């Protein structure tokens, strides 16, 4: 995995701040800001220019800035099950884009490219959030825009609606609600009257059901999944409780719109009926064998399922040679990997970065920890002051505080060790720009950002350690039997 900078972005030479403030004030979105807020916005943001055809934001990449269009126009497009580069909108001067990723912390939901020569103001997420705190009118406008765009974009991405024509989707856009829940919030309770179907846009929900006076975890669901269909299709009360396990955004489809969807797509009722049958069977299996619920609870409460990417060790083939840890230390100077971790049946989950969907470690007063567009999270040595804030916040003990070492003390490449481990010299060299300050620093697994491979997996003689998608690897929630074929 290698982070490459977007060379198409060019900084525009500084222009008169008053002229820029006047330009922003002429735009309806920013006209609601006070003079002081406009001044702060201009001082803390950056002017950018792009040539026609340049890509400013790419769907699926992470980003912590939004962009205001000062001149020119952009095209917003997405990839769906049926279309590539489906154009959603053309935006011109006075519009803003990129706010969804900047505010939510989730990957970009669309690709934005320049239709013509383009002049932008790049606004950091924290600046945008502060403006929303100071100006209720600005906050309301951003939230309305966010909701409309989230609904429009996601309706065309979610598989549930893939067979609907554009006119049906446009009608649905007007009625669907975007709802947000904080971790722990109850979306609905078992026994409630059902009036809506919910489609998960971001985050994870937990489904529980009472059985023998105990609350059992039946399933976890993530982005793209839906719930609440049983009560609507079978005209029953809610059969389980659904709560937000992380911060969650869902599209709420009311019952009358759900019925409209069934009329518009003749196969939809059959597909949902099959899902209902599968979910009922899953519930029976979990109730029959409570240990399944306990193992599922381990996956959820240990944060394993919520990981974007997960390092696992197959204990059936691992020979405990410690090559993975040694290779990590050879490359980085300190081992950033700890093989001792959570065990789920015959799999060990070592202590390594999981690329959390909503990483709390990114809260840094010194801007010393960043997320790359490709998702990796790394600590910038030159900015780290050793305050340990990120290490304290990380719930999985991935971040360590270590005494810094002079460059000459970093472990160098050892040809004998390399021959024994099957490593390559190029894999173990420390990057030339690797600098460590003379003080305690925070270090963490950064998924070997800047290298073409990860040291731990490249040096395992039995291929027992690998990066996986936890939702795919652990398979269905009632079985917890890894679907290994993809990872062998």
Protein backbone atom coordinates (compact mmCIF):
# COMPACT_ATOMS: atom_id res chain seq x y z
CA UNK A 1 0.00 0.00 0.00
CA UNK A 2 1.47 3.34 -1.01
CA UNK A 3 0.17 6.83 -0.41
CA UNK A 4 0.61 9.10 -3.40
CA UNK A 5 -0.13 12.79 -3.24
CA UNK A 6 -2.62 14.29 -5.66
CA UNK A 7 -0.27 16.19 -7.94
CA UNK A 8 -3.19 17.76 -9.78
CA UNK A 9 -3.91 20.03 -6.83
CA UNK A 10 -2.12 23.34 -7.17
CA UNK A 11 -2.07 26.10 -4.57
CA UNK A 12 -3.18 29.44 -5.90
CA UNK A 13 -1.07 32.45 -5.01
CA UNK A 14 -2.45 34.38 -2.07
CA UNK A 15 -4.99 37.00 -3.07
CA UNK A 16 -6.40 39.91 -1.15
CA UNK A 17 -8.27 38.49 1.87
CA UNK A 18 -10.93 41.18 1.73
CA UNK A 19 -11.68 40.34 -1.91
CA UNK A 20 -12.04 36.67 -1.02
CA UNK A 21 -14.33 37.50 1.92
CA UNK A 22 -16.51 39.58 -0.40
CA UNK A 23 -16.60 36.72 -2.90
CA UNK A 24 -17.74 34.26 -0.23
CA UNK A 25 -20.24 36.73 1.17
CA UNK A 26 -21.88 36.93 -2.26
CA UNK A 27 -22.60 33.17 -2.13
CA UNK A 28 -25.90 32.30 -0.47
CA UNK A 29 -24.41 29.52 1.68
CA UNK A 30 -21.70 31.72 3.21
CA UNK A 31 -23.69 34.96 3.34
CA UNK A 32 -25.10 33.84 6.70
CA UNK A 33 -21.66 33.96 8.35
CA UNK A 34 -20.47 36.88 10.42
CA UNK A 35 -17.50 38.98 9.33
CA UNK A 36 -15.31 37.30 11.96
CA UNK A 37 -16.38 33.83 10.83
CA UNK A 38 -15.64 34.72 7.21
CA UNK A 39 -12.23 36.02 8.24
CA UNK A 40 -11.46 32.79 10.12
CA UNK A 41 -12.68 30.70 7.18
CA UNK A 42 -10.41 32.52 4.74
CA UNK A 43 -7.35 32.42 7.00
CA UNK A 44 -7.63 28.70 7.81
CA UNK A 45 -8.53 27.45 4.33
CA UNK A 46 -6.47 27.10 1.16
CA UNK A 47 -7.03 28.31 -2.38
CA UNK A 48 -6.70 25.60 -5.04
CA UNK A 49 -6.88 25.45 -8.80
CA UNK A 50 -7.44 22.51 -11.15
CA UNK A 51 -7.29 22.01 -14.87
CA UNK A 52 -10.31 20.65 -16.75
CA UNK A 53 -10.53 16.87 -16.37
CA UNK A 54 -8.69 16.77 -13.03
CA UNK A 55 -10.12 14.55 -10.29
CA UNK A 56 -10.53 16.43 -7.02
CA UNK A 57 -12.19 13.71 -4.92
CA UNK A 58 -12.31 10.01 -5.69
CA UNK A 59 -15.14 7.73 -4.58
CA UNK A 60 -14.02 5.37 -1.81
CA UNK A 61 -11.07 7.47 -0.64
CA UNK A 62 -10.97 9.21 2.72
CA UNK A 63 -10.88 12.97 2.98
CA UNK A 64 -11.02 15.53 5.77
CA UNK A 65 -11.72 18.65 3.71
CA UNK A 66 -14.64 20.16 1.82
CA UNK A 67 -14.44 22.46 -1.20
CA UNK A 68 -16.28 25.67 -2.09
CA UNK A 69 -16.41 26.49 -5.80
CA UNK A 70 -15.14 30.03 -6.44
CA UNK A 71 -15.10 29.64 -10.21
CA UNK A 72 -15.71 26.90 -12.78
CA UNK A 73 -17.83 23.75 -12.58
CA UNK A 74 -17.53 20.13 -11.46
CA UNK A 75 -19.20 16.84 -12.33
CA UNK A 76 -20.29 14.50 -9.51
CA UNK A 77 -20.46 10.80 -10.43
CA UNK A 78 -20.75 7.41 -8.73
CA UNK A 79 -20.35 3.74 -9.57
CA UNK A 80 -23.38 1.52 -9.01
CA UNK A 81 -24.25 -2.12 -9.63
CA UNK A 82 -25.63 -1.21 -13.05
CA UNK A 83 -23.59 1.82 -14.10
CA UNK A 84 -20.05 3.12 -14.05
CA UNK A 85 -19.51 6.86 -13.72
CA UNK A 86 -23.21 7.62 -13.37
CA UNK A 87 -23.49 11.42 -13.31
CA UNK A 88 -25.45 12.64 -10.31
CA UNK A 89 -25.01 16.38 -10.60
CA UNK A 90 -23.18 19.31 -12.17
CA UNK A 91 -22.18 21.97 -9.65
CA UNK A 92 -21.07 25.51 -10.42
CA UNK A 93 -19.83 28.62 -8.65
CA UNK A 94 -21.23 29.09 -5.16
CA UNK A 95 -21.69 25.38 -4.44
CA UNK A 96 -19.83 23.24 -1.95
CA UNK A 97 -18.85 19.56 -2.16
CA UNK A 98 -16.90 17.03 -0.10
CA UNK A 99 -18.77 17.99 3.06
CA UNK A 100 -20.19 14.49 3.58
CA UNK A 101 -16.80 12.80 4.04
CA UNK A 102 -15.40 15.77 5.95
CA UNK A 103 -18.24 15.71 8.49
CA UNK A 104 -18.80 11.95 8.80
CA UNK A 105 -15.24 10.59 8.61
CA UNK A 106 -16.39 7.97 6.11
CA UNK A 107 -14.96 7.54 2.60
CA UNK A 108 -15.97 9.85 -0.23
CA UNK A 109 -19.34 8.76 -1.60
CA UNK A 110 -18.73 10.12 -5.11
CA UNK A 111 -16.03 11.15 -7.55
CA UNK A 112 -15.80 14.86 -8.33
CA UNK A 113 -13.93 16.05 -11.42
CA UNK A 114 -13.36 19.46 -13.00
CA UNK A 115 -15.52 20.18 -16.05
CA UNK A 116 -13.45 23.28 -16.81
CA UNK A 117 -10.71 25.37 -15.23
CA UNK A 118 -11.59 25.34 -11.56
CA UNK A 119 -10.90 27.57 -8.57
CA UNK A 120 -11.72 26.22 -5.12
CA UNK A 121 -11.45 27.07 -1.46
CA UNK A 122 -10.40 23.92 0.41
CA UNK A 123 -11.97 23.96 3.89
CA UNK A 124 -10.63 21.69 6.69
CA UNK A 125 -13.27 19.61 8.47
CA UNK A 126 -12.64 21.29 11.83
CA UNK A 127 -13.17 24.73 10.29
CA UNK A 128 -16.45 23.56 8.75
CA UNK A 129 -17.62 22.10 12.06
CA UNK A 130 -16.73 25.28 13.96
CA UNK A 131 -18.69 27.40 11.48
CA UNK A 132 -21.69 25.14 12.02
CA UNK A 133 -21.39 25.71 15.77
CA UNK A 134 -21.22 29.49 15.43
CA UNK A 135 -23.91 29.98 12.80
CA UNK A 136 -27.27 28.18 13.18
CA UNK A 137 -28.34 29.26 9.69
CA UNK A 138 -25.15 27.90 8.12
CA UNK A 139 -25.54 24.68 10.13
CA UNK A 140 -29.13 24.20 8.95
CA UNK A 141 -28.16 24.79 5.31
CA UNK A 142 -25.26 22.30 5.48
CA UNK A 143 -27.39 19.66 7.21
CA UNK A 144 -30.19 19.96 4.64
CA UNK A 145 -27.65 19.70 1.80
CA UNK A 146 -25.93 16.75 3.51
CA UNK A 147 -29.20 14.85 3.94
CA UNK A 148 -30.40 15.46 0.39
CA UNK A 149 -27.10 14.38 -1.13
CA UNK A 150 -26.76 11.35 1.15
CA UNK A 151 -30.21 10.10 0.17
CA UNK A 152 -29.74 10.80 -3.55
CA UNK A 153 -26.35 9.09 -3.65
CA UNK A 154 -27.10 6.07 -1.50
CA UNK A 155 -30.44 5.18 -3.07
CA UNK A 156 -28.51 4.53 -6.28
CA UNK A 157 -25.83 2.45 -4.58
CA UNK A 158 -27.72 0.12 -2.27
CA UNK A 159 -28.44 -3.32 -3.84
CA UNK A 160 -32.00 -3.33 -2.45
CA UNK A 161 -33.00 -0.62 -4.94
CA UNK A 162 -30.83 -1.71 -7.89
CA UNK A 163 -33.79 -2.75 -10.07
CA UNK A 164 -35.75 0.49 -9.66
CA UNK A 165 -35.99 2.90 -12.58
CA UNK A 166 -34.91 6.53 -12.28
CA UNK A 167 -38.43 7.92 -11.96
CA UNK A 168 -39.15 5.63 -8.98
CA UNK A 169 -35.84 6.59 -7.35
CA UNK A 170 -36.61 10.29 -7.80
CA UNK A 171 -40.00 9.81 -6.18
CA UNK A 172 -38.39 7.89 -3.33
CA UNK A 173 -35.83 10.68 -2.80
CA UNK A 174 -38.58 13.06 -1.75
CA UNK A 175 -40.02 10.77 0.92
CA UNK A 176 -37.04 8.91 2.38
CA UNK A 177 -35.60 10.35 5.60
CA UNK A 178 -31.94 10.33 6.61
CA UNK A 179 -31.78 9.59 10.33
CA UNK A 180 -28.76 9.60 12.62
CA UNK A 181 -28.28 7.65 15.84
CA UNK A 182 -25.47 7.77 18.37
CA UNK A 183 -23.83 4.63 19.72
CA UNK A 184 -26.21 2.98 22.18
CA UNK A 185 -29.37 4.64 20.85
CA UNK A 186 -32.39 2.36 20.41
CA UNK A 187 -33.79 2.52 16.87
CA UNK A 188 -36.80 0.40 17.81
CA UNK A 189 -37.73 -2.11 20.50
CA UNK A 190 -39.02 -5.64 20.27
CA UNK A 191 -42.82 -5.45 20.35
CA UNK A 192 -43.08 -1.97 18.80
CA UNK A 193 -45.50 -1.37 15.96
CA UNK A 194 -43.58 -1.39 12.69
CA UNK A 195 -43.99 1.53 10.31
CA UNK A 196 -40.64 1.73 8.48
CA UNK A 197 -37.86 -0.15 6.75
CA UNK A 198 -34.31 1.02 7.51
CA UNK A 199 -31.29 0.83 5.20
CA UNK A 200 -27.88 1.32 6.82
CA UNK A 201 -25.80 4.02 5.15
CA UNK A 202 -22.95 4.15 7.67
CA UNK A 203 -22.09 2.37 10.91
CA UNK A 204 -23.17 -0.84 12.61
CA UNK A 205 -26.36 -1.89 14.34
CA UNK A 206 -26.88 -4.67 16.86
CA UNK A 207 -29.95 -6.90 16.80
CA UNK A 208 -31.02 -8.50 20.07
CA UNK A 209 -33.97 -10.59 21.18
CA UNK A 210 -35.30 -11.68 24.56
CA UNK A 211 -35.03 -15.41 25.19
CA UNK A 212 -35.57 -17.11 28.55
CA UNK A 213 -35.45 -13.72 30.30
CA UNK A 214 -32.08 -12.93 28.73
CA UNK A 215 -31.09 -10.54 25.96
CA UNK A 216 -29.33 -12.46 23.19
CA UNK A 217 -27.37 -10.93 20.33
CA UNK A 218 -28.86 -12.31 17.14
CA UNK A 219 -26.88 -10.45 14.52
CA UNK A 220 -24.88 -7.39 13.59
CA UNK A 221 -25.54 -5.48 10.38
CA UNK A 222 -23.41 -2.94 8.57
CA UNK A 223 -23.49 -0.60 5.58
CA UNK A 224 -25.78 -1.74 2.76
CA UNK A 225 -27.89 -4.04 4.93
CA UNK A 226 -31.48 -3.34 5.89
CA UNK A 227 -33.75 -4.22 8.79
CA UNK A 228 -37.35 -3.75 9.89
CA UNK A 229 -38.73 -5.61 6.87
CA UNK A 230 -40.48 -8.39 8.82
CA UNK A 231 -43.02 -6.12 10.51
CA UNK A 232 -43.91 -4.50 7.19
CA UNK A 233 -44.12 -7.56 4.97
CA UNK A 234 -45.85 -9.78 7.52
CA UNK A 235 -47.85 -7.00 9.21
CA UNK A 236 -46.52 -7.92 12.66
CA UNK A 237 -44.97 -6.08 15.58
CA UNK A 238 -41.19 -5.79 15.78
CA UNK A 239 -39.67 -9.20 16.50
CA UNK A 240 -36.35 -7.87 17.84
CA UNK A 241 -34.67 -4.79 19.27
CA UNK A 242 -32.26 -2.88 17.03
CA UNK A 243 -29.75 -0.45 18.51
CA UNK A 244 -26.85 1.57 17.14
CA UNK A 245 -23.60 -0.12 18.08
CA UNK A 246 -21.57 2.72 16.55
CA UNK A 247 -22.73 6.08 15.28
CA UNK A 248 -25.18 5.17 12.55
CA UNK A 249 -26.91 6.81 9.60
CA UNK A 250 -29.91 5.06 8.08
CA UNK A 251 -32.38 5.75 5.31
CA UNK A 252 -35.89 5.43 6.71
CA UNK A 253 -38.43 4.14 4.17
CA UNK A 254 -42.01 4.54 5.40
CA UNK A 255 -44.54 1.74 4.97
CA UNK A 256 -46.46 3.37 2.10
CA UNK A 257 -43.20 3.90 0.18
CA UNK A 258 -42.18 0.33 0.94
CA UNK A 259 -45.45 -0.88 -0.60
CA UNK A 260 -44.76 1.33 -3.61
CA UNK A 261 -41.38 -0.37 -4.02
CA UNK A 262 -43.01 -3.80 -3.97
CA UNK A 263 -45.35 -2.68 -6.74
CA UNK A 264 -42.46 -1.25 -8.77
CA UNK A 265 -40.21 -4.32 -8.46
CA UNK A 266 -42.00 -7.65 -8.80
CA UNK A 267 -38.98 -9.62 -7.54
CA UNK A 268 -38.42 -7.52 -4.43
CA UNK A 269 -41.08 -9.19 -2.26
CA UNK A 270 -39.65 -12.61 -3.09
CA UNK A 271 -36.08 -11.52 -2.30
CA UNK A 272 -37.10 -9.95 1.00
CA UNK A 273 -39.16 -13.04 1.84
CA UNK A 274 -36.04 -15.19 1.41
CA UNK A 275 -34.08 -12.86 3.70
CA UNK A 276 -36.82 -13.06 6.33
CA UNK A 277 -36.70 -16.86 6.25
CA UNK A 278 -32.89 -16.84 6.62
CA UNK A 279 -33.09 -14.45 9.55
CA UNK A 280 -35.74 -16.51 11.32
CA UNK A 281 -33.59 -19.64 10.95
CA UNK A 282 -30.59 -17.74 12.27
CA UNK A 283 -32.56 -16.63 15.31
CA UNK A 284 -33.61 -20.22 16.05
CA UNK A 285 -30.00 -21.43 15.79
CA UNK A 286 -28.74 -18.78 18.18
CA UNK A 287 -31.51 -19.48 20.67
CA UNK A 288 -30.82 -23.20 20.48
CA UNK A 289 -27.08 -22.75 21.05
CA UNK A 290 -26.38 -19.71 23.32
CA UNK A 291 -22.62 -20.11 22.77
CA UNK A 292 -23.11 -18.71 19.26
CA UNK A 293 -24.50 -15.53 20.75
CA UNK A 294 -21.57 -15.35 23.18
CA UNK A 295 -19.01 -15.70 20.38
CA UNK A 296 -20.88 -13.12 18.35
CA UNK A 297 -20.81 -10.78 21.34
CA UNK A 298 -17.03 -11.22 21.50
CA UNK A 299 -16.70 -10.22 17.85
CA UNK A 300 -18.83 -7.15 18.36
CA UNK A 301 -17.66 -5.94 21.77
CA UNK A 302 -13.97 -6.43 20.95
CA UNK A 303 -14.43 -4.21 17.91
CA UNK A 304 -13.48 -6.98 15.49
CA UNK A 305 -16.47 -6.76 13.17
CA UNK A 306 -16.30 -2.95 13.03
CA UNK A 307 -12.77 -3.04 11.61
CA UNK A 308 -12.20 -1.84 8.07
CA UNK A 309 -9.30 -4.27 7.76
CA UNK A 310 -8.24 -6.90 10.26
CA UNK A 311 -4.96 -8.73 10.81
CA UNK A 312 -5.58 -12.37 11.72
CA UNK A 313 -3.38 -15.37 12.50
CA UNK A 314 -4.60 -18.84 11.59
CA UNK A 315 -3.61 -20.87 14.65
CA UNK A 316 -3.98 -24.15 12.76
CA UNK A 317 -0.98 -23.32 10.57
CA UNK A 318 0.99 -20.83 12.71
CA UNK A 319 4.33 -22.29 13.93
CA UNK A 320 4.92 -19.48 16.47
CA UNK A 321 8.26 -18.51 14.94
CA UNK A 322 7.72 -14.80 15.71
CA UNK A 323 8.95 -13.82 12.24
CA UNK A 324 6.03 -11.43 11.86
CA UNK A 325 7.00 -9.41 14.93
CA UNK A 326 10.72 -9.51 14.09
CA UNK A 327 10.04 -8.29 10.55
CA UNK A 328 7.94 -5.44 11.91
CA UNK A 329 10.78 -4.40 14.21
CA UNK A 330 13.36 -4.72 11.43
CA UNK A 331 11.37 -2.37 9.25
CA UNK A 332 10.20 0.22 11.76
CA UNK A 333 12.80 0.18 14.54
CA UNK A 334 10.24 -0.89 17.14
CA UNK A 335 7.77 -3.77 16.90
CA UNK A 336 4.35 -2.29 16.21
CA UNK A 337 2.67 -5.68 16.28
CA UNK A 338 1.80 -7.86 19.28
CA UNK A 339 0.83 -11.44 18.43
CA UNK A 340 -1.06 -11.81 21.70
CA UNK A 341 -4.65 -10.77 21.20
CA UNK A 342 -8.26 -11.87 21.12
CA UNK A 343 -8.97 -15.47 20.15
CA UNK A 344 -12.05 -16.52 18.20
CA UNK A 345 -12.19 -20.32 17.69
CA UNK A 346 -8.96 -21.18 15.85
CA UNK A 347 -8.04 -17.62 14.92
CA UNK A 348 -5.99 -15.07 16.85
CA UNK A 349 -6.54 -11.33 16.39
CA UNK A 350 -3.16 -9.71 17.13
CA UNK A 351 -2.78 -6.12 18.29
CA UNK A 352 -2.48 -4.15 15.05
CA UNK A 353 -4.33 -1.22 13.52
CA UNK A 354 -7.85 -2.08 12.38
CA UNK A 355 -8.47 1.06 10.34
CA UNK A 356 -11.56 1.81 12.42
CA UNK A 357 -14.55 3.32 10.65
CA UNK A 358 -14.68 6.14 13.19
CA UNK A 359 -11.18 6.31 14.73
CA UNK A 360 -11.04 8.25 18.01
CA UNK A 361 -7.25 8.41 17.80
CA UNK A 362 -7.49 11.07 15.09
CA UNK A 363 -8.35 13.71 17.69
CA UNK A 364 -4.94 15.36 18.02
CA UNK A 365 -4.31 18.97 19.08
CA UNK A 366 -1.02 18.94 17.18
CA UNK A 367 -2.33 17.46 13.92
CA UNK A 368 0.21 14.65 14.32
CA UNK A 369 -2.00 11.73 13.35
CA UNK A 370 -3.61 11.53 9.93
CA UNK A 371 -5.69 9.22 7.78
CA UNK A 372 -4.43 8.64 4.24
CA UNK A 373 -6.91 8.71 1.35
CA UNK A 374 -6.52 4.93 1.15
CA UNK A 375 -7.51 4.54 4.81
CA UNK A 376 -4.22 3.94 6.63
CA UNK A 377 -3.71 5.91 9.84
CA UNK A 378 -0.19 7.09 10.61
CA UNK A 379 1.61 9.27 13.11
CA UNK A 380 3.72 12.14 11.77
CA UNK A 381 6.92 12.00 13.80
CA UNK A 382 7.88 15.62 13.17
CA UNK A 383 4.61 16.81 14.71
CA UNK A 384 4.25 14.34 17.58
CA UNK A 385 5.00 15.92 20.98
CA UNK A 386 4.62 12.71 22.98
CA UNK A 387 1.48 13.78 24.84
CA UNK A 388 0.05 10.21 24.68
CA UNK A 389 -3.46 11.47 23.96
CA UNK A 390 -3.93 9.16 20.98
CA UNK A 391 -2.57 6.16 22.92
CA UNK A 392 -5.03 6.78 25.75
CA UNK A 393 -7.96 7.11 23.35
CA UNK A 394 -7.24 4.00 21.25
CA UNK A 395 -9.53 1.27 22.65
CA UNK A 396 -7.43 -1.56 21.20
CA UNK A 397 -3.99 -0.62 22.63
CA UNK A 398 -2.55 -0.26 19.14
CA UNK A 399 -0.68 2.97 19.94
CA UNK A 400 2.41 2.75 22.16
CA UNK A 401 4.59 5.41 23.74
CA UNK A 402 8.26 4.57 23.32
CA UNK A 403 11.55 6.35 23.97
CA UNK A 404 12.95 7.69 20.74
CA UNK A 405 16.12 6.23 19.31
CA UNK A 406 18.89 7.98 17.42
CA UNK A 407 18.79 6.98 13.78
CA UNK A 408 21.95 4.86 14.07
CA UNK A 409 20.34 2.70 16.78
CA UNK A 410 17.50 1.54 14.57
CA UNK A 411 17.80 -2.14 13.79
CA UNK A 412 19.54 -2.58 10.44
CA UNK A 413 19.11 -5.22 7.81
CA UNK A 414 20.67 -8.56 8.79
CA UNK A 415 21.48 -10.84 5.86
CA UNK A 416 21.54 -14.03 7.99
CA UNK A 417 18.18 -13.19 9.56
CA UNK A 418 16.80 -12.36 6.14
CA UNK A 419 17.88 -15.68 4.66
CA UNK A 420 16.29 -17.57 7.54
CA UNK A 421 13.04 -15.63 7.21
CA UNK A 422 12.90 -15.44 3.44
CA UNK A 423 12.88 -11.64 3.55
CA UNK A 424 14.18 -9.30 0.89
CA UNK A 425 16.68 -6.55 1.65
CA UNK A 426 14.47 -3.93 0.03
CA UNK A 427 11.61 -4.90 2.32
CA UNK A 428 13.54 -4.21 5.51
CA UNK A 429 15.27 -0.92 4.82
CA UNK A 430 14.11 2.05 6.80
CA UNK A 431 12.75 4.81 4.51
CA UNK A 432 15.22 7.66 3.97
CA UNK A 433 12.79 10.21 5.37
CA UNK A 434 12.27 8.23 8.60
CA UNK A 435 13.12 10.59 11.47
CA UNK A 436 12.72 10.08 15.18
CA UNK A 437 12.89 12.98 17.58
CA UNK A 438 14.94 12.73 20.78
CA UNK A 439 11.97 12.20 23.12
CA UNK A 440 9.13 9.80 23.79
CA UNK A 441 6.96 9.35 20.73
CA UNK A 442 3.74 7.63 19.83
CA UNK A 443 4.08 4.72 17.42
CA UNK A 444 1.47 2.47 15.88
CA UNK A 445 0.91 -0.05 13.16
CA UNK A 446 0.25 2.02 10.03
CA UNK A 447 -0.23 -0.99 7.75
CA UNK A 448 3.26 -0.28 6.37
CA UNK A 449 2.10 2.90 4.69
CA UNK A 450 4.60 3.88 2.00
CA UNK A 451 5.71 0.29 1.29
CA UNK A 452 4.47 -2.09 -1.36
CA UNK A 453 3.77 -4.82 1.18
CA UNK A 454 3.28 -5.36 4.91
CA UNK A 455 6.36 -6.71 6.68
CA UNK A 456 4.48 -9.11 8.95
CA UNK A 457 2.61 -10.93 6.19
CA UNK A 458 5.54 -10.92 3.77
CA UNK A 459 7.79 -12.70 6.27
CA UNK A 460 5.46 -15.46 7.47
CA UNK A 461 6.83 -18.83 6.25
CA UNK A 462 3.41 -20.53 6.47
CA UNK A 463 1.20 -17.66 5.24
CA UNK A 464 -0.69 -17.87 8.52
CA UNK A 465 -0.92 -14.13 9.08
CA UNK A 466 -2.99 -12.05 6.67
CA UNK A 467 -5.16 -8.97 6.32
CA UNK A 468 -8.85 -9.72 5.82
CA UNK A 469 -12.21 -8.04 5.60
CA UNK A 470 -13.79 -9.20 8.88
CA UNK A 471 -17.35 -9.18 7.53
CA UNK A 472 -16.31 -11.51 4.71
CA UNK A 473 -13.88 -13.64 6.70
CA UNK A 474 -16.13 -14.46 9.63
CA UNK A 475 -19.12 -15.02 7.41
CA UNK A 476 -22.66 -15.32 8.72
CA UNK A 477 -23.24 -14.21 12.26
CA UNK A 478 -24.81 -17.45 13.43
CA UNK A 479 -21.93 -19.67 12.34
CA UNK A 480 -18.70 -17.75 13.00
CA UNK A 481 -17.07 -20.21 10.63
CA UNK A 482 -14.56 -18.34 8.49
CA UNK A 483 -15.10 -18.38 4.76
CA UNK A 484 -11.49 -19.30 4.11
CA UNK A 485 -11.39 -19.90 0.37
CA UNK A 486 -10.68 -16.26 -0.49
CA UNK A 487 -7.80 -16.03 1.96
CA UNK A 488 -5.96 -19.30 1.41
